[in-house]
Amino acid sequence: ATPIERMVSFIHEVNTKNVFVRRLNPQIIAMFEHLA
């Protein structure tokens, strides 16, 4: 497809799919434990 069409498709896939690693990092765990 054209460069613009390909770029739009790429952005759409990144923004609509869960592509990134997700975890409760130590700092967030510590926050919840302090506030609980």
Full PDB file with SEQRES, HELIX, SHEET, SSBOND, CRYST1, ORIGX, SCALE, CONECT and MASTER records, all heavy atoms in Angstrom:
SEQRES   1 A   36  ALA THR PRO ILE GLU ARG MET VAL SER PHE ILE HIS GLU          
SEQRES   2 A   36  VAL ASN THR LYS ASN VAL PHE VAL ARG ARG LEU ASN PRO          
SEQRES   3 A   36  GLN ILE ILE ALA MET PHE GLU HIS LEU ALA                      
HELIX    1 AA1 PRO A    3  THR A   16  1                                  14    
HELIX    2 AA2 PRO A   26  LEU A   35  1                                  10    
CRYST1    1.000    1.000    1.000  90.00  90.00  90.00 P 1           1          
ORIGX1      1.000000  0.000000  0.000000        0.00000                         
ORIGX2      0.000000  1.000000  0.000000        0.00000                         
ORIGX3      0.000000  0.000000  1.000000        0.00000                         
SCALE1      1.000000  0.000000  0.000000        0.00000                         
SCALE2      0.000000  1.000000  0.000000        0.00000                         
SCALE3      0.000000  0.000000  1.000000        0.00000                         
ATOM      1  N   ALA A   1       0.845  -1.192   0.000  1.00  0.00           N  
ATOM      2  CA  ALA A   1       0.000   0.000   0.000  1.00  0.00           C  
ATOM      3  C   ALA A   1       0.883   1.247   0.000  1.00  0.00           C  
ATOM      4  O   ALA A   1       2.098   1.175   0.124  1.00  0.00           O  
ATOM      5  CB  ALA A   1      -0.917  -0.016   1.220  1.00  0.00           C  
ATOM      6  N   THR A   2       0.258   2.409  -0.116  1.00  0.00           N  
ATOM      7  CA  THR A   2       1.028   3.661  -0.133  1.00  0.00           C  
ATOM      8  C   THR A   2       1.683   3.867   1.234  1.00  0.00           C  
ATOM      9  O   THR A   2       1.230   3.318   2.245  1.00  0.00           O  
ATOM     10  CB  THR A   2       0.124   4.854  -0.446  1.00  0.00           C  
ATOM     11  OG1 THR A   2      -0.787   5.047   0.654  1.00  0.00           O  
ATOM     12  CG2 THR A   2      -0.654   4.623  -1.727  1.00  0.00           C  
ATOM     13  N   PRO A   3       2.748   4.681   1.304  1.00  0.00           N  
ATOM     14  CA  PRO A   3       3.406   4.926   2.590  1.00  0.00           C  
ATOM     15  C   PRO A   3       2.446   5.417   3.668  1.00  0.00           C  
ATOM     16  O   PRO A   3       2.533   4.976   4.820  1.00  0.00           O  
ATOM     17  CB  PRO A   3       4.449   5.986   2.239  1.00  0.00           C  
ATOM     18  CG  PRO A   3       4.787   5.716   0.806  1.00  0.00           C  
ATOM     19  CD  PRO A   3       3.490   5.302   0.181  1.00  0.00           C  
ATOM     20  N   ILE A   4       1.545   6.308   3.315  1.00  0.00           N  
ATOM     21  CA  ILE A   4       0.610   6.833   4.314  1.00  0.00           C  
ATOM     22  C   ILE A   4      -0.327   5.734   4.788  1.00  0.00           C  
ATOM     23  O   ILE A   4      -0.598   5.598   5.992  1.00  0.00           O  
ATOM     24  CB  ILE A   4      -0.184   8.015   3.746  1.00  0.00           C  
ATOM     25  CG1 ILE A   4       0.732   9.222   3.540  1.00  0.00           C  
ATOM     26  CG2 ILE A   4      -1.345   8.382   4.665  1.00  0.00           C  
ATOM     27  CD1 ILE A   4       0.045  10.426   2.966  1.00  0.00           C  
ATOM     28  N   GLU A   5      -0.857   4.932   3.867  1.00  0.00           N  
ATOM     29  CA  GLU A   5      -1.758   3.856   4.248  1.00  0.00           C  
ATOM     30  C   GLU A   5      -1.067   2.858   5.159  1.00  0.00           C  
ATOM     31  O   GLU A   5      -1.642   2.382   6.152  1.00  0.00           O  
ATOM     32  CB  GLU A   5      -2.272   3.145   2.993  1.00  0.00           C  
ATOM     33  CG  GLU A   5      -3.234   3.982   2.168  1.00  0.00           C  
ATOM     34  CD  GLU A   5      -3.556   3.334   0.836  1.00  0.00           C  
ATOM     35  OE1 GLU A   5      -2.699   2.571   0.316  1.00  0.00           O  
ATOM     36  OE2 GLU A   5      -4.658   3.581   0.318  1.00  0.00           O  
ATOM     37  N   ARG A   6       0.194   2.539   4.833  1.00  0.00           N  
ATOM     38  CA  ARG A   6       0.932   1.591   5.671  1.00  0.00           C  
ATOM     39  C   ARG A   6       1.187   2.155   7.055  1.00  0.00           C  
ATOM     40  O   ARG A   6       1.072   1.460   8.061  1.00  0.00           O  
ATOM     41  CB  ARG A   6       2.240   1.223   4.975  1.00  0.00           C  
ATOM     42  CG  ARG A   6       2.044   0.236   3.823  1.00  0.00           C  
ATOM     43  CD  ARG A   6       3.038   0.422   2.700  1.00  0.00           C  
ATOM     44  NE  ARG A   6       4.420   0.548   3.169  1.00  0.00           N  
ATOM     45  CZ  ARG A   6       5.381   1.116   2.458  1.00  0.00           C  
ATOM     46  NH1 ARG A   6       5.108   1.645   1.268  1.00  0.00           N  
ATOM     47  NH2 ARG A   6       6.611   1.178   2.919  1.00  0.00           N  
ATOM     48  N   MET A   7       1.524   3.439   7.098  1.00  0.00           N  
ATOM     49  CA  MET A   7       1.795   4.056   8.397  1.00  0.00           C  
ATOM     50  C   MET A   7       0.535   4.103   9.249  1.00  0.00           C  
ATOM     51  O   MET A   7       0.568   3.829  10.452  1.00  0.00           O  
ATOM     52  CB  MET A   7       2.362   5.460   8.202  1.00  0.00           C  
ATOM     53  CG  MET A   7       2.894   6.097   9.485  1.00  0.00           C  
ATOM     54  SD  MET A   7       4.315   5.213  10.188  1.00  0.00           S  
ATOM     55  CE  MET A   7       5.596   5.660   8.990  1.00  0.00           C  
ATOM     56  N   VAL A   8      -0.585   4.454   8.640  1.00  0.00           N  
ATOM     57  CA  VAL A   8      -1.850   4.501   9.371  1.00  0.00           C  
ATOM     58  C   VAL A   8      -2.211   3.116   9.898  1.00  0.00           C  
ATOM     59  O   VAL A   8      -2.648   2.961  11.045  1.00  0.00           O  
ATOM     60  CB  VAL A   8      -2.973   5.059   8.474  1.00  0.00           C  
ATOM     61  CG1 VAL A   8      -4.331   4.860   9.134  1.00  0.00           C  
ATOM     62  CG2 VAL A   8      -2.735   6.533   8.183  1.00  0.00           C  
ATOM     63  N   SER A   9      -2.013   2.094   9.095  1.00  0.00           N  
ATOM     64  CA  SER A   9      -2.313   0.726   9.530  1.00  0.00           C  
ATOM     65  C   SER A   9      -1.411   0.304  10.679  1.00  0.00           C  
ATOM     66  O   SER A   9      -1.858  -0.353  11.632  1.00  0.00           O  
ATOM     67  CB  SER A   9      -2.153  -0.242   8.354  1.00  0.00           C  
ATOM     68  OG  SER A   9      -3.067   0.047   7.323  1.00  0.00           O  
ATOM     69  N   PHE A  10      -0.151   0.675  10.588  1.00  0.00           N  
ATOM     70  CA  PHE A  10       0.808   0.362  11.650  1.00  0.00           C  
ATOM     71  C   PHE A  10       0.395   1.031  12.963  1.00  0.00           C  
ATOM     72  O   PHE A  10       0.340   0.386  14.024  1.00  0.00           O  
ATOM     73  CB  PHE A  10       2.203   0.825  11.221  1.00  0.00           C  
ATOM     74  CG  PHE A  10       3.216   0.872  12.329  1.00  0.00           C  
ATOM     75  CD1 PHE A  10       3.662  -0.299  12.930  1.00  0.00           C  
ATOM     76  CD2 PHE A  10       3.738   2.086  12.763  1.00  0.00           C  
ATOM     77  CE1 PHE A  10       4.598  -0.257  13.961  1.00  0.00           C  
ATOM     78  CE2 PHE A  10       4.670   2.142  13.778  1.00  0.00           C  
ATOM     79  CZ  PHE A  10       5.099   0.965  14.382  1.00  0.00           C  
ATOM     80  N   ILE A  11       0.077   2.331  12.904  1.00  0.00           N  
ATOM     81  CA  ILE A  11      -0.325   3.055  14.103  1.00  0.00           C  
ATOM     82  C   ILE A  11      -1.600   2.458  14.687  1.00  0.00           C  
ATOM     83  O   ILE A  11      -1.730   2.287  15.904  1.00  0.00           O  
ATOM     84  CB  ILE A  11      -0.522   4.554  13.781  1.00  0.00           C  
ATOM     85  CG1 ILE A  11       0.818   5.188  13.408  1.00  0.00           C  
ATOM     86  CG2 ILE A  11      -1.151   5.286  14.964  1.00  0.00           C  
ATOM     87  CD1 ILE A  11       0.698   6.620  12.905  1.00  0.00           C  
ATOM     88  N   HIS A  12      -2.545   2.121  13.806  1.00  0.00           N  
ATOM     89  CA  HIS A  12      -3.814   1.551  14.264  1.00  0.00           C  
ATOM     90  C   HIS A  12      -3.582   0.224  14.998  1.00  0.00           C  
ATOM     91  O   HIS A  12      -4.173  -0.006  16.064  1.00  0.00           O  
ATOM     92  CB  HIS A  12      -4.740   1.332  13.070  1.00  0.00           C  
ATOM     93  CG  HIS A  12      -6.043   0.679  13.453  1.00  0.00           C  
ATOM     94  ND1 HIS A  12      -7.044   1.352  14.104  1.00  0.00           N  
ATOM     95  CD2 HIS A  12      -6.492  -0.609  13.264  1.00  0.00           C  
ATOM     96  CE1 HIS A  12      -8.056   0.528  14.314  1.00  0.00           C  
ATOM     97  NE2 HIS A  12      -7.749  -0.658  13.808  1.00  0.00           N  
ATOM     98  N   GLU A  13      -2.724  -0.616  14.478  1.00  0.00           N  
ATOM     99  CA  GLU A  13      -2.476  -1.907  15.132  1.00  0.00           C  
ATOM    100  C   GLU A  13      -1.815  -1.729  16.488  1.00  0.00           C  
ATOM    101  O   GLU A  13      -2.184  -2.390  17.461  1.00  0.00           O  
ATOM    102  CB  GLU A  13      -1.606  -2.804  14.239  1.00  0.00           C  
ATOM    103  CG  GLU A  13      -1.338  -4.171  14.867  1.00  0.00           C  
ATOM    104  CD  GLU A  13      -0.758  -5.171  13.896  1.00  0.00           C  
ATOM    105  OE1 GLU A  13      -0.820  -4.932  12.668  1.00  0.00           O  
ATOM    106  OE2 GLU A  13      -0.238  -6.202  14.359  1.00  0.00           O  
ATOM    107  N   VAL A  14      -0.850  -0.806  16.565  1.00  0.00           N  
ATOM    108  CA  VAL A  14      -0.171  -0.567  17.842  1.00  0.00           C  
ATOM    109  C   VAL A  14      -1.149  -0.013  18.880  1.00  0.00           C  
ATOM    110  O   VAL A  14      -1.114  -0.392  20.054  1.00  0.00           O  
ATOM    111  CB  VAL A  14       1.019   0.399  17.655  1.00  0.00           C  
ATOM    112  CG1 VAL A  14       1.605   0.801  19.005  1.00  0.00           C  
ATOM    113  CG2 VAL A  14       2.088  -0.235  16.777  1.00  0.00           C  
ATOM    114  N   ASN A  15      -2.036   0.878  18.450  1.00  0.00           N  
ATOM    115  CA  ASN A  15      -2.955   1.535  19.386  1.00  0.00           C  
ATOM    116  C   ASN A  15      -4.144   0.676  19.788  1.00  0.00           C  
ATOM    117  O   ASN A  15      -4.779   0.953  20.816  1.00  0.00           O  
ATOM    118  CB  ASN A  15      -3.469   2.843  18.778  1.00  0.00           C  
ATOM    119  CG  ASN A  15      -2.426   3.940  18.824  1.00  0.00           C  
ATOM    120  OD1 ASN A  15      -1.476   3.883  19.586  1.00  0.00           O  
ATOM    121  ND2 ASN A  15      -2.606   4.959  17.990  1.00  0.00           N  
ATOM    122  N   THR A  16      -4.463  -0.335  19.023  1.00  0.00           N  
ATOM    123  CA  THR A  16      -5.673  -1.121  19.308  1.00  0.00           C  
ATOM    124  C   THR A  16      -5.384  -2.514  19.856  1.00  0.00           C  
ATOM    125  O   THR A  16      -6.299  -3.178  20.338  1.00  0.00           O  
ATOM    126  CB  THR A  16      -6.536  -1.258  18.042  1.00  0.00           C  
ATOM    127  OG1 THR A  16      -5.751  -1.848  16.984  1.00  0.00           O  
ATOM    128  CG2 THR A  16      -7.060   0.100  17.597  1.00  0.00           C  
ATOM    129  N   LYS A  17      -4.147  -2.951  19.802  1.00  0.00           N  
ATOM    130  CA  LYS A  17      -3.801  -4.270  20.326  1.00  0.00           C  
ATOM    131  C   LYS A  17      -2.905  -4.125  21.554  1.00  0.00           C  
ATOM    132  O   LYS A  17      -2.171  -3.151  21.686  1.00  0.00           O  
ATOM    133  CB  LYS A  17      -3.098  -5.112  19.257  1.00  0.00           C  
ATOM    134  CG  LYS A  17      -3.988  -5.463  18.079  1.00  0.00           C  
ATOM    135  CD  LYS A  17      -3.259  -6.394  17.107  1.00  0.00           C  
ATOM    136  CE  LYS A  17      -4.162  -6.791  15.950  1.00  0.00           C  
ATOM    137  NZ  LYS A  17      -3.468  -7.694  14.986  1.00  0.00           N  
ATOM    138  N   ASN A  18      -2.969  -5.105  22.448  1.00  0.00           N  
ATOM    139  CA  ASN A  18      -2.139  -5.089  23.649  1.00  0.00           C  
ATOM    140  C   ASN A  18      -0.745  -5.607  23.294  1.00  0.00           C  
ATOM    141  O   ASN A  18      -0.421  -6.775  23.492  1.00  0.00           O  
ATOM    142  CB  ASN A  18      -2.771  -5.955  24.742  1.00  0.00           C  
ATOM    143  CG  ASN A  18      -4.118  -5.422  25.189  1.00  0.00           C  
ATOM    144  OD1 ASN A  18      -4.291  -4.218  25.321  1.00  0.00           O  
ATOM    145  ND2 ASN A  18      -5.064  -6.302  25.421  1.00  0.00           N  
ATOM    146  N   VAL A  19       0.082  -4.723  22.767  1.00  0.00           N  
ATOM    147  CA  VAL A  19       1.382  -5.155  22.249  1.00  0.00           C  
ATOM    148  C   VAL A  19       2.510  -4.975  23.263  1.00  0.00           C  
ATOM    149  O   VAL A  19       3.598  -5.528  23.084  1.00  0.00           O  
ATOM    150  CB  VAL A  19       1.733  -4.389  20.953  1.00  0.00           C  
ATOM    151  CG1 VAL A  19       0.671  -4.631  19.896  1.00  0.00           C  
ATOM    152  CG2 VAL A  19       1.891  -2.885  21.216  1.00  0.00           C  
ATOM    153  N   PHE A  20       2.272  -4.218  24.347  1.00  0.00           N  
ATOM    154  CA  PHE A  20       3.346  -3.925  25.284  1.00  0.00           C  
ATOM    155  C   PHE A  20       3.296  -4.833  26.513  1.00  0.00           C  
ATOM    156  O   PHE A  20       2.222  -5.305  26.917  1.00  0.00           O  
ATOM    157  CB  PHE A  20       3.283  -2.465  25.742  1.00  0.00           C  
ATOM    158  CG  PHE A  20       3.473  -1.486  24.620  1.00  0.00           C  
ATOM    159  CD1 PHE A  20       2.509  -0.528  24.325  1.00  0.00           C  
ATOM    160  CD2 PHE A  20       4.616  -1.523  23.834  1.00  0.00           C  
ATOM    161  CE1 PHE A  20       2.687   0.373  23.294  1.00  0.00           C  
ATOM    162  CE2 PHE A  20       4.806  -0.621  22.792  1.00  0.00           C  
ATOM    163  CZ  PHE A  20       3.831   0.325  22.522  1.00  0.00           C  
ATOM    164  N   VAL A  21       4.452  -5.051  27.114  1.00  0.00           N  
ATOM    165  CA  VAL A  21       4.545  -5.829  28.344  1.00  0.00           C  
ATOM    166  C   VAL A  21       3.816  -5.077  29.459  1.00  0.00           C  
ATOM    167  O   VAL A  21       3.990  -3.871  29.625  1.00  0.00           O  
ATOM    168  CB  VAL A  21       6.023  -6.048  28.749  1.00  0.00           C  
ATOM    169  CG1 VAL A  21       6.114  -6.783  30.074  1.00  0.00           C  
ATOM    170  CG2 VAL A  21       6.771  -6.808  27.656  1.00  0.00           C  
ATOM    171  N   ARG A  22       3.017  -5.783  30.215  1.00  0.00           N  
ATOM    172  CA  ARG A  22       2.302  -5.190  31.339  1.00  0.00           C  
ATOM    173  C   ARG A  22       2.588  -6.007  32.591  1.00  0.00           C  
ATOM    174  O   ARG A  22       2.441  -7.208  32.600  1.00  0.00           O  
ATOM    175  CB  ARG A  22       0.782  -5.160  31.071  1.00  0.00           C  
ATOM    176  CG  ARG A  22       0.379  -4.158  29.993  1.00  0.00           C  
ATOM    177  CD  ARG A  22       0.520  -2.747  30.525  1.00  0.00           C  
ATOM    178  NE  ARG A  22       0.206  -1.725  29.533  1.00  0.00           N  
ATOM    179  CZ  ARG A  22       1.103  -1.091  28.809  1.00  0.00           C  
ATOM    180  NH1 ARG A  22       2.394  -1.390  28.930  1.00  0.00           N  
ATOM    181  NH2 ARG A  22       0.746  -0.153  27.963  1.00  0.00           N  
ATOM    182  N   ARG A  23       3.018  -5.319  33.645  1.00  0.00           N  
ATOM    183  CA  ARG A  23       3.282  -6.005  34.907  1.00  0.00           C  
ATOM    184  C   ARG A  23       3.154  -5.013  36.061  1.00  0.00           C  
ATOM    185  O   ARG A  23       3.217  -3.795  35.860  1.00  0.00           O  
ATOM    186  CB  ARG A  23       4.676  -6.624  34.895  1.00  0.00           C  
ATOM    187  CG  ARG A  23       5.811  -5.618  34.963  1.00  0.00           C  
ATOM    188  CD  ARG A  23       7.162  -6.287  35.141  1.00  0.00           C  
ATOM    189  NE  ARG A  23       7.696  -6.822  33.905  1.00  0.00           N  
ATOM    190  CZ  ARG A  23       7.851  -8.103  33.675  1.00  0.00           C  
ATOM    191  NH1 ARG A  23       7.490  -8.983  34.577  1.00  0.00           N  
ATOM    192  NH2 ARG A  23       8.363  -8.515  32.525  1.00  0.00           N  
ATOM    193  N   LEU A  24       2.962  -5.557  37.266  1.00  0.00           N  
ATOM    194  CA  LEU A  24       3.008  -4.739  38.468  1.00  0.00           C  
ATOM    195  C   LEU A  24       4.468  -4.658  38.895  1.00  0.00           C  
ATOM    196  O   LEU A  24       5.012  -5.592  39.475  1.00  0.00           O  
ATOM    197  CB  LEU A  24       2.150  -5.356  39.580  1.00  0.00           C  
ATOM    198  CG  LEU A  24       0.635  -5.363  39.360  1.00  0.00           C  
ATOM    199  CD1 LEU A  24      -0.063  -6.017  40.543  1.00  0.00           C  
ATOM    200  CD2 LEU A  24       0.098  -3.956  39.153  1.00  0.00           C  
ATOM    201  N   ASN A  25       5.101  -3.556  38.577  1.00  0.00           N  
ATOM    202  CA  ASN A  25       6.503  -3.378  38.928  1.00  0.00           C  
ATOM    203  C   ASN A  25       6.652  -3.176  40.434  1.00  0.00           C  
ATOM    204  O   ASN A  25       5.690  -2.816  41.135  1.00  0.00           O  
ATOM    205  CB  ASN A  25       7.070  -2.175  38.165  1.00  0.00           C  
ATOM    206  CG  ASN A  25       7.244  -2.474  36.687  1.00  0.00           C  
ATOM    207  OD1 ASN A  25       8.211  -3.098  36.289  1.00  0.00           O  
ATOM    208  ND2 ASN A  25       6.280  -2.036  35.866  1.00  0.00           N  
ATOM    209  N   PRO A  26       7.864  -3.395  40.965  1.00  0.00           N  
ATOM    210  CA  PRO A  26       8.067  -3.287  42.421  1.00  0.00           C  
ATOM    211  C   PRO A  26       7.606  -1.967  43.017  1.00  0.00           C  
ATOM    212  O   PRO A  26       7.095  -1.945  44.144  1.00  0.00           O  
ATOM    213  CB  PRO A  26       9.593  -3.468  42.565  1.00  0.00           C  
ATOM    214  CG  PRO A  26       9.999  -4.276  41.384  1.00  0.00           C  
ATOM    215  CD  PRO A  26       9.095  -3.833  40.275  1.00  0.00           C  
ATOM    216  N   GLN A  27       7.783  -0.883  42.276  1.00  0.00           N  
ATOM    217  CA  GLN A  27       7.398   0.416  42.812  1.00  0.00           C  
ATOM    218  C   GLN A  27       5.877   0.535  42.953  1.00  0.00           C  
ATOM    219  O   GLN A  27       5.371   1.145  43.904  1.00  0.00           O  
ATOM    220  CB  GLN A  27       7.920   1.551  41.921  1.00  0.00           C  
ATOM    221  CG  GLN A  27       9.424   1.583  41.769  1.00  0.00           C  
ATOM    222  CD  GLN A  27       9.958   0.565  40.768  1.00  0.00           C  
ATOM    223  OE1 GLN A  27       9.284   0.216  39.806  1.00  0.00           O  
ATOM    224  NE2 GLN A  27      11.185   0.095  40.991  1.00  0.00           N  
ATOM    225  N   ILE A  28       5.145  -0.060  42.009  1.00  0.00           N  
ATOM    226  CA  ILE A  28       3.681  -0.024  42.077  1.00  0.00           C  
ATOM    227  C   ILE A  28       3.172  -0.951  43.167  1.00  0.00           C  
ATOM    228  O   ILE A  28       2.223  -0.628  43.892  1.00  0.00           O  
ATOM    229  CB  ILE A  28       3.078  -0.394  40.710  1.00  0.00           C  
ATOM    230  CG1 ILE A  28       3.458   0.658  39.666  1.00  0.00           C  
ATOM    231  CG2 ILE A  28       1.556  -0.509  40.799  1.00  0.00           C  
ATOM    232  CD1 ILE A  28       3.035   2.058  40.030  1.00  0.00           C  
ATOM    233  N   ILE A  29       3.802  -2.123  43.297  1.00  0.00           N  
ATOM    234  CA  ILE A  29       3.435  -3.035  44.383  1.00  0.00           C  
ATOM    235  C   ILE A  29       3.637  -2.343  45.727  1.00  0.00           C  
ATOM    236  O   ILE A  29       2.789  -2.419  46.624  1.00  0.00           O  
ATOM    237  CB  ILE A  29       4.272  -4.329  44.304  1.00  0.00           C  
ATOM    238  CG1 ILE A  29       3.882  -5.129  43.055  1.00  0.00           C  
ATOM    239  CG2 ILE A  29       4.089  -5.175  45.560  1.00  0.00           C  
ATOM    240  CD1 ILE A  29       4.742  -6.352  42.817  1.00  0.00           C  
ATOM    241  N   ALA A  30       4.766  -1.643  45.873  1.00  0.00           N  
ATOM    242  CA  ALA A  30       5.051  -0.926  47.121  1.00  0.00           C  
ATOM    243  C   ALA A  30       4.004   0.156  47.374  1.00  0.00           C  
ATOM    244  O   ALA A  30       3.577   0.372  48.516  1.00  0.00           O  
ATOM    245  CB  ALA A  30       6.449  -0.313  47.064  1.00  0.00           C  
ATOM    246  N   MET A  31       3.555   0.839  46.318  1.00  0.00           N  
ATOM    247  CA  MET A  31       2.530   1.875  46.478  1.00  0.00           C  
ATOM    248  C   MET A  31       1.236   1.277  47.021  1.00  0.00           C  
ATOM    249  O   MET A  31       0.666   1.787  48.000  1.00  0.00           O  
ATOM    250  CB  MET A  31       2.268   2.577  45.150  1.00  0.00           C  
ATOM    251  CG  MET A  31       1.233   3.687  45.244  1.00  0.00           C  
ATOM    252  SD  MET A  31       0.826   4.461  43.650  1.00  0.00           S  
ATOM    253  CE  MET A  31      -0.218   3.174  42.932  1.00  0.00           C  
ATOM    254  N   PHE A  32       0.776   0.195  46.407  1.00  0.00           N  
ATOM    255  CA  PHE A  32      -0.463  -0.422  46.860  1.00  0.00           C  
ATOM    256  C   PHE A  32      -0.339  -0.949  48.287  1.00  0.00           C  
ATOM    257  O   PHE A  32      -1.276  -0.828  49.092  1.00  0.00           O  
ATOM    258  CB  PHE A  32      -0.879  -1.551  45.912  1.00  0.00           C  
ATOM    259  CG  PHE A  32      -1.419  -1.064  44.598  1.00  0.00           C  
ATOM    260  CD1 PHE A  32      -0.946  -1.569  43.402  1.00  0.00           C  
ATOM    261  CD2 PHE A  32      -2.413  -0.100  44.558  1.00  0.00           C  
ATOM    262  CE1 PHE A  32      -1.434  -1.118  42.185  1.00  0.00           C  
ATOM    263  CE2 PHE A  32      -2.920   0.358  43.349  1.00  0.00           C  
ATOM    264  CZ  PHE A  32      -2.434  -0.156  42.165  1.00  0.00           C  
ATOM    265  N   GLU A  33       0.804  -1.524  48.616  1.00  0.00           N  
ATOM    266  CA  GLU A  33       0.990  -2.074  49.958  1.00  0.00           C  
ATOM    267  C   GLU A  33       1.043  -0.971  51.012  1.00  0.00           C  
ATOM    268  O   GLU A  33       0.564  -1.160  52.135  1.00  0.00           O  
ATOM    269  CB  GLU A  33       2.254  -2.927  49.995  1.00  0.00           C  
ATOM    270  CG  GLU A  33       2.124  -4.236  49.214  1.00  0.00           C  
ATOM    271  CD  GLU A  33       3.370  -5.092  49.252  1.00  0.00           C  
ATOM    272  OE1 GLU A  33       4.447  -4.546  49.580  1.00  0.00           O  
ATOM    273  OE2 GLU A  33       3.264  -6.305  48.967  1.00  0.00           O  
ATOM    274  N   HIS A  34       1.637   0.175  50.668  1.00  0.00           N  
ATOM    275  CA  HIS A  34       1.677   1.288  51.615  1.00  0.00           C  
ATOM    276  C   HIS A  34       0.294   1.899  51.821  1.00  0.00           C  
ATOM    277  O   HIS A  34      -0.024   2.358  52.924  1.00  0.00           O  
ATOM    278  CB  HIS A  34       2.645   2.370  51.121  1.00  0.00           C  
ATOM    279  CG  HIS A  34       4.075   2.134  51.485  1.00  0.00           C  
ATOM    280  ND1 HIS A  34       4.885   1.238  50.803  1.00  0.00           N  
ATOM    281  CD2 HIS A  34       4.854   2.672  52.460  1.00  0.00           C  
ATOM    282  CE1 HIS A  34       6.091   1.243  51.340  1.00  0.00           C  
ATOM    283  NE2 HIS A  34       6.100   2.101  52.339  1.00  0.00           N  
ATOM    284  N   LEU A  35      -0.526   1.925  50.761  1.00  0.00           N  
ATOM    285  CA  LEU A  35      -1.823   2.588  50.844  1.00  0.00           C  
ATOM    286  C   LEU A  35      -2.947   1.669  51.302  1.00  0.00           C  
ATOM    287  O   LEU A  35      -3.984   2.150  51.780  1.00  0.00           O  
ATOM    288  CB  LEU A  35      -2.178   3.189  49.479  1.00  0.00           C  
ATOM    289  CG  LEU A  35      -1.254   4.306  48.971  1.00  0.00           C  
ATOM    290  CD1 LEU A  35      -1.714   4.782  47.606  1.00  0.00           C  
ATOM    291  CD2 LEU A  35      -1.194   5.468  49.949  1.00  0.00           C  
ATOM    292  N   ALA A  36      -2.755   0.355  51.179  1.00  0.00           N  
ATOM    293  CA  ALA A  36      -3.807  -0.609  51.506  1.00  0.00           C  
ATOM    294  C   ALA A  36      -4.412  -0.414  52.892  1.00  0.00           C  
ATOM    295  O   ALA A  36      -5.643  -0.454  53.043  1.00  0.00           O  
ATOM    296  CB  ALA A  36      -3.266  -2.036  51.350  1.00  0.00           C  
TER     297      ALA A  36                                                      
MASTER        0    0    0    2    0    0    0    6  296    1    0    3          
END                                                                             
